[in-house]
Amino acid sequence: MNDNPLWNTPIQLRIGDPASVTSNVPHLLGFYPQDSLVLVTVTAGDPPRLGVTVRIDLPPPQYYELTARSLLQPLIINDVVSATLVLVGSSRHDPNTPPGGWTEPSKDGLPHRSLVDALTAALADAEIDVVRAVWTPRIETGQRWWCYEDPSCTGELPDVRSTALAMASAVSGDVTLRDRDELVVMLEPVPSDTLRRTEAALEARAHLAPNTNTAAAVQLFMDAMANTHELTQPDGADHVADLIAALRPPAVRTVCMGMALDDRAHDAERLWIALTKATPGPWRAEPACLLAVSAYAQGKGVLARAAVDVALDADPHHGLASVLDQALRMGLPRRKVLAILAETTTESASGDARTDDVG
């Protein structure tokens, strides 16, 4: 699930225009989906606003009804009033899928119609309107799309890389990845010999008392943002170990989470990505959680999900990772996460101020 990544950007998306919605899906998700069901939603309000974007792999036919019901909770929690359904490609589980996948409608009509029917009925029970339901083999410039409700409702996708959302994403420095695999590669660890050097450096620092000077510790992260590439190099082990050791005090971690709420968010995200790649073993969970918080706060649900998975793989019992995992599974609205982060950061800052006064 993904919140609108351009939440505060004054861009209008023509929800009633299948071509407009479909061509913007990659930039809402952060990657080009394949074999997917995507729901682009609108939330209640005056005026209504673009809401969460939900993506799942196309399920096998026997799970259509279950899939439809399971998608309701995050939509209801987020006050969704309407949705556009975009189905992309084929399901490898569907025995009716021809070799090579669907490239155009069959003589019996569009693929996955039973899934659309099940989802439309489930949404109607929840008083959520389906504006359009669209199928396309893939999302790329010039690709033809079709509407489920009207065979004559069809057309070709415009330049997918030149939509308003695509341009806004480019300006903000966000890259739309080719597929989810690129996201996995982006978080892959550095070579094992480099990780072993970093592990040795971390173990050498384990007996040292943590630095209680929060401001000095946070400054280490601010300085590291300028050269994040160096952290993933073979000679970056000691620098990575210093940064991970600096995260030990809870107050430092709280301030680092708060970076997701201000103008440091983009640079901080690059730093957490680099540290997630460069940190070994259970220590990796800390930067991965900070990356998940940053991604969640910016509406990058897919990246947040990937970061939480990395954190839980590194440390299955990590408290913050478990909380974030539940928030993502429930579809907890972005605004609630931001409120919790803001409150936590404010309380931490107040506590630091009282400590400084006592000192």
Protein backbone atom coordinates (compact mmCIF):
# COMPACT_ATOMS: atom_id res chain seq x y z
CA MET A 1 0.00 0.00 0.00
CA ASN A 2 1.18 3.48 -0.82
CA ASP A 3 0.02 6.93 0.20
CA ASN A 4 0.13 9.58 -2.50
CA PRO A 5 3.91 10.29 -2.71
CA LEU A 6 3.17 13.86 -3.73
CA TRP A 7 0.68 14.46 -0.93
CA ASN A 8 1.21 18.21 -0.72
CA THR A 9 1.83 18.81 -4.40
CA PRO A 10 -0.97 20.74 -6.18
CA ILE A 11 -1.42 18.29 -9.04
CA GLN A 12 -4.80 17.21 -10.33
CA LEU A 13 -5.31 13.61 -11.46
CA ARG A 14 -8.34 13.03 -13.68
CA ILE A 15 -9.85 10.08 -11.81
CA GLY A 16 -12.55 9.59 -14.48
CA ASP A 17 -9.96 9.32 -17.26
CA PRO A 18 -8.65 5.71 -17.51
CA ALA A 19 -5.58 6.73 -19.51
CA SER A 20 -4.63 9.43 -17.02
CA VAL A 21 -5.01 7.17 -13.99
CA THR A 22 -3.26 4.17 -15.56
CA SER A 23 -0.29 6.13 -16.89
CA ASN A 24 0.29 7.64 -13.44
CA VAL A 25 0.19 4.34 -11.54
CA PRO A 26 3.98 3.72 -11.74
CA HIS A 27 4.68 7.13 -10.23
CA LEU A 28 2.15 6.59 -7.46
CA LEU A 29 3.76 3.24 -6.59
CA GLY A 30 7.38 4.12 -7.28
CA PHE A 31 7.80 1.30 -9.82
CA TYR A 32 6.15 -0.16 -12.92
CA PRO A 33 3.82 -2.95 -11.75
CA GLN A 34 3.54 -6.28 -13.53
CA ASP A 35 0.82 -8.92 -13.08
CA SER A 36 -0.85 -6.65 -10.53
CA LEU A 37 -4.15 -5.35 -9.26
CA VAL A 38 -3.86 -1.65 -8.34
CA LEU A 39 -6.48 0.46 -6.59
CA VAL A 40 -6.14 4.24 -6.98
CA THR A 41 -8.43 5.76 -4.39
CA VAL A 42 -10.12 9.00 -3.42
CA THR A 43 -10.77 9.90 0.23
CA ALA A 44 -13.69 11.71 1.81
CA GLY A 45 -13.33 15.47 2.21
CA ASP A 46 -14.22 18.83 0.77
CA PRO A 47 -12.82 18.68 -1.77
CA PRO A 48 -12.11 14.91 -2.04
CA ARG A 49 -8.41 14.06 -2.29
CA LEU A 50 -6.25 11.39 -3.82
CA GLY A 51 -5.88 8.66 -1.23
CA VAL A 52 -3.86 5.50 -0.79
CA THR A 53 -2.72 3.44 -3.74
CA VAL A 54 -2.99 -0.30 -3.06
CA ARG A 55 -1.17 -2.93 -5.13
CA ILE A 56 -1.22 -6.71 -4.87
CA ASP A 57 -0.09 -9.53 -7.13
CA LEU A 58 -2.91 -10.90 -9.25
CA PRO A 59 -4.27 -13.85 -7.24
CA PRO A 60 -5.35 -17.24 -8.59
CA PRO A 61 -9.08 -17.49 -9.38
CA GLN A 62 -9.96 -19.53 -6.29
CA TYR A 63 -8.86 -16.60 -4.11
CA TYR A 64 -10.75 -13.81 -5.86
CA GLU A 65 -13.46 -13.54 -3.17
CA LEU A 66 -10.96 -13.70 -0.30
CA THR A 67 -8.77 -11.10 -1.98
CA ALA A 68 -11.70 -8.73 -2.43
CA ARG A 69 -12.64 -8.93 1.26
CA SER A 70 -9.05 -8.58 2.48
CA LEU A 71 -8.62 -5.28 0.64
CA LEU A 72 -11.49 -3.57 2.46
CA GLN A 73 -9.81 -2.85 5.80
CA PRO A 74 -7.09 -0.43 4.61
CA LEU A 75 -9.63 1.37 2.42
CA ILE A 76 -12.13 1.81 5.24
CA ILE A 77 -9.43 2.94 7.68
CA ASN A 78 -8.32 5.57 5.17
CA ASP A 79 -11.86 6.94 4.58
CA VAL A 80 -11.88 5.91 0.91
CA VAL A 81 -15.08 6.84 -0.94
CA SER A 82 -14.19 5.71 -4.47
CA ALA A 83 -11.56 3.73 -6.33
CA THR A 84 -10.32 3.12 -9.85
CA LEU A 85 -9.22 -0.47 -10.48
CA VAL A 86 -6.23 -0.99 -12.75
CA LEU A 87 -5.35 -4.57 -13.66
CA VAL A 88 -1.99 -5.10 -15.34
CA GLY A 89 -0.88 -8.25 -17.16
CA SER A 90 -1.65 -11.85 -16.34
CA SER A 91 -1.74 -14.17 -13.37
CA ARG A 92 0.63 -17.10 -13.67
CA HIS A 93 -1.84 -18.99 -11.44
CA ASP A 94 -4.70 -18.60 -13.92
CA PRO A 95 -5.05 -21.70 -16.15
CA ASN A 96 -6.84 -19.55 -18.74
CA THR A 97 -3.76 -17.38 -19.29
CA PRO A 98 -2.33 -18.10 -22.76
CA PRO A 99 1.39 -18.84 -23.24
CA GLY A 100 3.31 -15.59 -23.04
CA GLY A 101 0.50 -13.92 -21.11
CA TRP A 102 -2.44 -11.78 -22.20
CA THR A 103 -1.58 -9.23 -24.88
CA GLU A 104 -5.15 -8.33 -25.87
CA PRO A 105 -8.72 -9.32 -24.91
CA SER A 106 -9.84 -12.81 -25.82
CA LYS A 107 -13.06 -13.65 -27.67
CA ASP A 108 -14.65 -14.04 -24.22
CA GLY A 109 -13.61 -10.55 -23.13
CA LEU A 110 -11.05 -9.12 -20.74
CA PRO A 111 -9.08 -11.36 -18.35
CA HIS A 112 -9.74 -11.35 -14.59
CA ARG A 113 -13.35 -10.19 -14.97
CA SER A 114 -14.41 -12.41 -12.07
CA LEU A 115 -11.87 -10.65 -9.85
CA VAL A 116 -13.25 -7.26 -10.90
CA ASP A 117 -16.81 -8.45 -10.21
CA ALA A 118 -15.88 -9.77 -6.76
CA LEU A 119 -14.02 -6.61 -5.83
CA THR A 120 -16.76 -4.32 -7.15
CA ALA A 121 -19.34 -6.17 -5.06
CA ALA A 122 -17.18 -6.05 -1.92
CA LEU A 123 -16.52 -2.33 -2.35
CA ALA A 124 -20.21 -1.67 -2.91
CA ASP A 125 -21.01 -3.39 0.41
CA ALA A 126 -18.56 -0.97 2.04
CA GLU A 127 -20.19 1.97 0.22
CA ILE A 128 -17.09 2.55 -1.90
CA ASP A 129 -17.80 3.41 -5.53
CA VAL A 130 -15.80 1.95 -8.41
CA VAL A 131 -15.21 4.80 -10.85
CA ARG A 132 -13.56 2.68 -13.55
CA ALA A 133 -12.07 -0.78 -13.94
CA VAL A 134 -9.31 -0.95 -16.55
CA TRP A 135 -7.07 -3.68 -17.91
CA THR A 136 -3.82 -3.33 -19.85
CA PRO A 137 -1.10 -5.89 -20.61
CA ARG A 138 1.57 -3.50 -19.31
CA ILE A 139 2.00 0.17 -18.53
CA GLU A 140 4.10 1.79 -21.23
CA THR A 141 3.73 4.61 -23.70
CA GLY A 142 1.37 3.72 -26.57
CA GLN A 143 0.06 0.53 -24.92
CA ARG A 144 -3.67 -0.05 -25.42
CA TRP A 145 -6.04 -0.28 -22.45
CA TRP A 146 -9.69 -1.42 -22.16
CA CYS A 147 -12.53 -0.75 -19.71
CA TYR A 148 -14.39 -3.71 -18.23
CA GLU A 149 -17.79 -2.01 -18.23
CA ASP A 150 -17.77 -0.88 -21.87
CA PRO A 151 -15.97 -2.63 -24.77
CA SER A 152 -15.89 0.64 -26.71
CA CYS A 153 -14.06 2.34 -23.82
CA THR A 154 -10.46 1.88 -24.97
CA GLY A 155 -7.43 3.87 -26.03
CA GLU A 156 -3.66 4.15 -25.88
CA LEU A 157 -1.60 5.32 -22.93
CA PRO A 158 0.10 8.72 -23.30
CA ASP A 159 3.80 9.26 -22.64
CA VAL A 160 4.09 7.58 -19.24
CA ARG A 161 7.31 9.45 -18.43
CA SER A 162 5.81 12.90 -19.04
CA THR A 163 2.74 12.89 -16.82
CA ALA A 164 2.38 15.60 -14.18
CA LEU A 165 3.21 13.11 -11.44
CA ALA A 166 6.24 11.83 -13.35
CA MET A 167 7.60 15.34 -13.74
CA ALA A 168 6.93 16.22 -10.09
CA SER A 169 8.63 13.00 -8.97
CA ALA A 170 11.67 13.81 -11.09
CA VAL A 171 11.89 17.33 -9.66
CA SER A 172 11.72 15.97 -6.10
CA GLY A 173 14.52 13.50 -6.87
CA ASP A 174 12.37 10.36 -6.73
CA VAL A 175 13.07 7.68 -9.33
CA THR A 176 10.33 5.42 -10.69
CA LEU A 177 11.89 1.96 -10.80
CA ARG A 178 11.36 -0.50 -13.63
CA ASP A 179 9.92 -3.13 -11.30
CA ARG A 180 9.96 -4.37 -7.70
CA ASP A 181 13.15 -6.32 -8.32
CA GLU A 182 15.03 -3.05 -8.67
CA LEU A 183 13.82 -2.10 -5.20
CA VAL A 184 15.19 -5.35 -3.78
CA VAL A 185 18.52 -4.74 -5.51
CA MET A 186 18.62 -1.19 -4.09
CA LEU A 187 18.68 -2.64 -0.55
CA GLU A 188 20.98 -5.59 -1.19
CA PRO A 189 23.92 -5.77 1.27
CA VAL A 190 27.43 -4.81 0.24
CA PRO A 191 29.91 -7.69 -0.36
CA SER A 192 30.35 -10.10 2.53
CA ASP A 193 34.03 -9.27 3.13
CA THR A 194 33.09 -5.62 3.66
CA LEU A 195 30.30 -6.65 6.03
CA ARG A 196 32.77 -8.75 8.03
CA ARG A 197 35.06 -5.74 8.47
CA THR A 198 32.13 -3.65 9.66
CA GLU A 199 31.02 -6.42 12.03
CA ALA A 200 34.49 -6.53 13.59
CA ALA A 201 34.45 -2.74 13.97
CA LEU A 202 31.03 -2.86 15.64
CA GLU A 203 32.09 -5.60 18.04
CA ALA A 204 35.16 -3.53 18.98
CA ARG A 205 32.84 -0.66 19.93
CA ALA A 206 30.35 -2.82 21.82
CA HIS A 207 32.08 -2.38 25.19
CA LEU A 208 32.27 1.40 24.89
CA ALA A 209 29.71 3.52 26.73
CA PRO A 210 27.28 5.24 24.34
CA ASN A 211 27.77 8.94 23.65
CA THR A 212 25.17 10.82 25.68
CA ASN A 213 25.65 14.03 23.70
CA THR A 214 22.66 13.81 21.39
CA ALA A 215 23.55 16.91 19.39
CA ALA A 216 27.06 15.62 18.65
CA ALA A 217 25.73 12.21 17.65
CA VAL A 218 23.12 13.69 15.31
CA GLN A 219 25.81 15.86 13.73
CA LEU A 220 27.61 12.68 12.68
CA PHE A 221 24.57 11.75 10.60
CA MET A 222 24.24 15.23 9.16
CA ASP A 223 27.88 15.11 8.03
CA ALA A 224 27.44 11.62 6.55
CA MET A 225 24.55 12.76 4.35
CA ALA A 226 26.97 14.59 2.08
CA ASN A 227 28.85 11.43 1.07
CA THR A 228 26.56 8.45 1.48
CA HIS A 229 28.27 6.60 -1.36
CA GLU A 230 31.42 6.27 0.76
CA LEU A 231 29.55 4.19 3.33
CA THR A 232 29.08 1.30 0.91
CA GLN A 233 32.74 1.16 -0.12
CA PRO A 234 35.23 -1.41 1.24
CA ASP A 235 37.03 1.25 3.30
CA GLY A 236 33.81 2.55 4.88
CA ALA A 237 33.59 -0.06 7.66
CA ASP A 238 34.81 2.17 10.50
CA HIS A 239 32.56 5.05 9.42
CA VAL A 240 29.54 2.76 9.27
CA ALA A 241 30.38 1.33 12.69
CA ASP A 242 30.65 4.83 14.18
CA LEU A 243 27.22 5.76 12.83
CA ILE A 244 25.53 2.58 13.99
CA ALA A 245 27.12 2.94 17.44
CA ALA A 246 25.83 6.52 17.57
CA LEU A 247 22.28 5.17 17.19
CA ARG A 248 22.41 3.31 20.50
CA PRO A 249 20.85 6.06 22.70
CA PRO A 250 17.03 6.15 22.21
CA ALA A 251 17.08 9.96 22.05
CA VAL A 252 19.35 9.85 18.99
CA ARG A 253 17.11 7.35 17.21
CA THR A 254 14.09 9.54 17.95
CA VAL A 255 15.73 12.64 16.50
CA CYS A 256 16.74 10.62 13.43
CA MET A 257 13.13 9.51 12.98
CA GLY A 258 12.10 13.15 13.16
CA MET A 259 14.25 13.93 10.12
CA ALA A 260 11.46 12.38 8.06
CA LEU A 261 9.28 15.37 8.95
CA ASP A 262 11.46 18.25 7.83
CA ASP A 263 13.61 19.40 4.93
CA ARG A 264 16.24 16.75 5.72
CA ALA A 265 13.90 13.93 4.68
CA HIS A 266 15.33 13.26 1.21
CA ASP A 267 18.99 13.32 2.31
CA ALA A 268 18.18 11.24 5.37
CA GLU A 269 16.47 8.61 3.22
CA ARG A 270 19.61 8.26 1.08
CA LEU A 271 21.66 7.88 4.26
CA TRP A 272 19.41 5.15 5.69
CA ILE A 273 19.51 3.28 2.38
CA ALA A 274 23.31 3.35 2.38
CA LEU A 275 23.52 2.25 6.02
CA THR A 276 20.98 -0.52 5.45
CA LYS A 277 23.16 -1.87 2.64
CA ALA A 278 26.41 -1.49 4.62
CA THR A 279 25.39 -2.79 8.06
CA PRO A 280 25.74 -6.50 8.96
CA GLY A 281 23.70 -8.87 11.08
CA PRO A 282 21.13 -7.72 13.62
CA TRP A 283 22.55 -4.18 13.60
CA ARG A 284 21.04 -3.79 10.14
CA ALA A 285 17.57 -3.56 11.64
CA GLU A 286 18.22 -0.05 13.03
CA PRO A 287 18.93 1.81 9.77
CA ALA A 288 16.29 -0.30 7.99
CA CYS A 289 13.67 0.85 10.51
CA LEU A 290 14.72 4.47 10.06
CA LEU A 291 14.39 3.99 6.31
CA ALA A 292 10.93 2.50 6.79
CA VAL A 293 9.83 5.43 8.96
CA SER A 294 11.18 7.93 6.43
CA ALA A 295 9.54 6.14 3.50
CA TYR A 296 6.22 5.79 5.34
CA ALA A 297 6.22 9.48 6.29
CA GLN A 298 6.82 10.46 2.66
CA GLY A 299 4.08 8.18 1.37
CA LYS A 300 6.44 5.60 -0.16
CA GLY A 301 4.62 2.53 1.02
CA VAL A 302 6.44 0.06 -1.23
CA LEU A 303 9.87 1.19 0.00
CA ALA A 304 8.60 1.19 3.59
CA ARG A 305 7.38 -2.40 3.17
CA ALA A 306 10.74 -3.50 1.74
CA ALA A 307 12.65 -1.79 4.56
CA VAL A 308 10.49 -3.39 7.26
CA ASP A 309 11.04 -6.81 5.68
CA VAL A 310 14.80 -6.21 5.79
CA ALA A 311 14.61 -5.12 9.44
CA LEU A 312 12.59 -8.15 10.52
CA ASP A 313 14.89 -10.48 8.58
CA ALA A 314 17.87 -8.97 10.45
CA ASP A 315 16.13 -9.01 13.84
CA PRO A 316 12.74 -10.80 14.00
CA HIS A 317 12.10 -9.42 17.49
CA HIS A 318 12.87 -5.76 16.77
CA GLY A 319 10.14 -3.72 18.47
CA LEU A 320 9.85 -0.80 16.04
CA ALA A 321 10.02 -3.11 13.03
CA SER A 322 7.13 -5.15 14.42
CA VAL A 323 5.06 -2.01 15.02
CA LEU A 324 5.72 -0.74 11.50
CA ASP A 325 4.90 -4.16 10.09
CA GLN A 326 1.49 -4.07 11.75
CA ALA A 327 0.87 -0.46 10.64
CA LEU A 328 1.55 -1.39 7.03
CA ARG A 329 -0.58 -4.53 7.18
CA MET A 330 -3.48 -2.58 8.66
CA GLY A 331 -3.10 0.28 6.20
CA LEU A 332 -2.67 2.82 9.01
CA PRO A 333 -3.15 6.24 7.38
CA ARG A 334 -0.06 8.30 6.72
CA ARG A 335 -1.46 11.25 8.67
CA LYS A 336 -1.68 9.11 11.82
CA VAL A 337 1.91 7.94 11.42
CA LEU A 338 3.04 11.55 10.97
CA ALA A 339 1.13 12.60 14.10
CA ILE A 340 2.75 9.84 16.16
CA LEU A 341 6.20 10.75 14.84
CA ALA A 342 5.68 14.46 15.51
CA GLU A 343 4.48 13.79 19.06
CA THR A 344 7.33 11.39 19.78
CA THR A 345 9.93 13.81 18.41
CA THR A 346 8.51 16.74 20.39
CA GLU A 347 8.52 14.74 23.63
CA SER A 348 12.10 13.64 23.01
CA ALA A 349 13.20 17.22 22.31
CA SER A 350 11.52 18.39 25.54
CA GLY A 351 13.22 15.65 27.50
CA ASP A 352 16.61 16.57 26.04
CA ALA A 353 16.03 20.22 26.93
CA ARG A 354 15.21 19.33 30.55
CA THR A 355 18.30 17.16 30.78
CA ASP A 356 20.48 19.96 29.41
CA ASP A 357 19.01 22.39 31.94
CA VAL A 358 19.79 20.04 34.81
CA GLY A 359 23.31 19.56 33.55
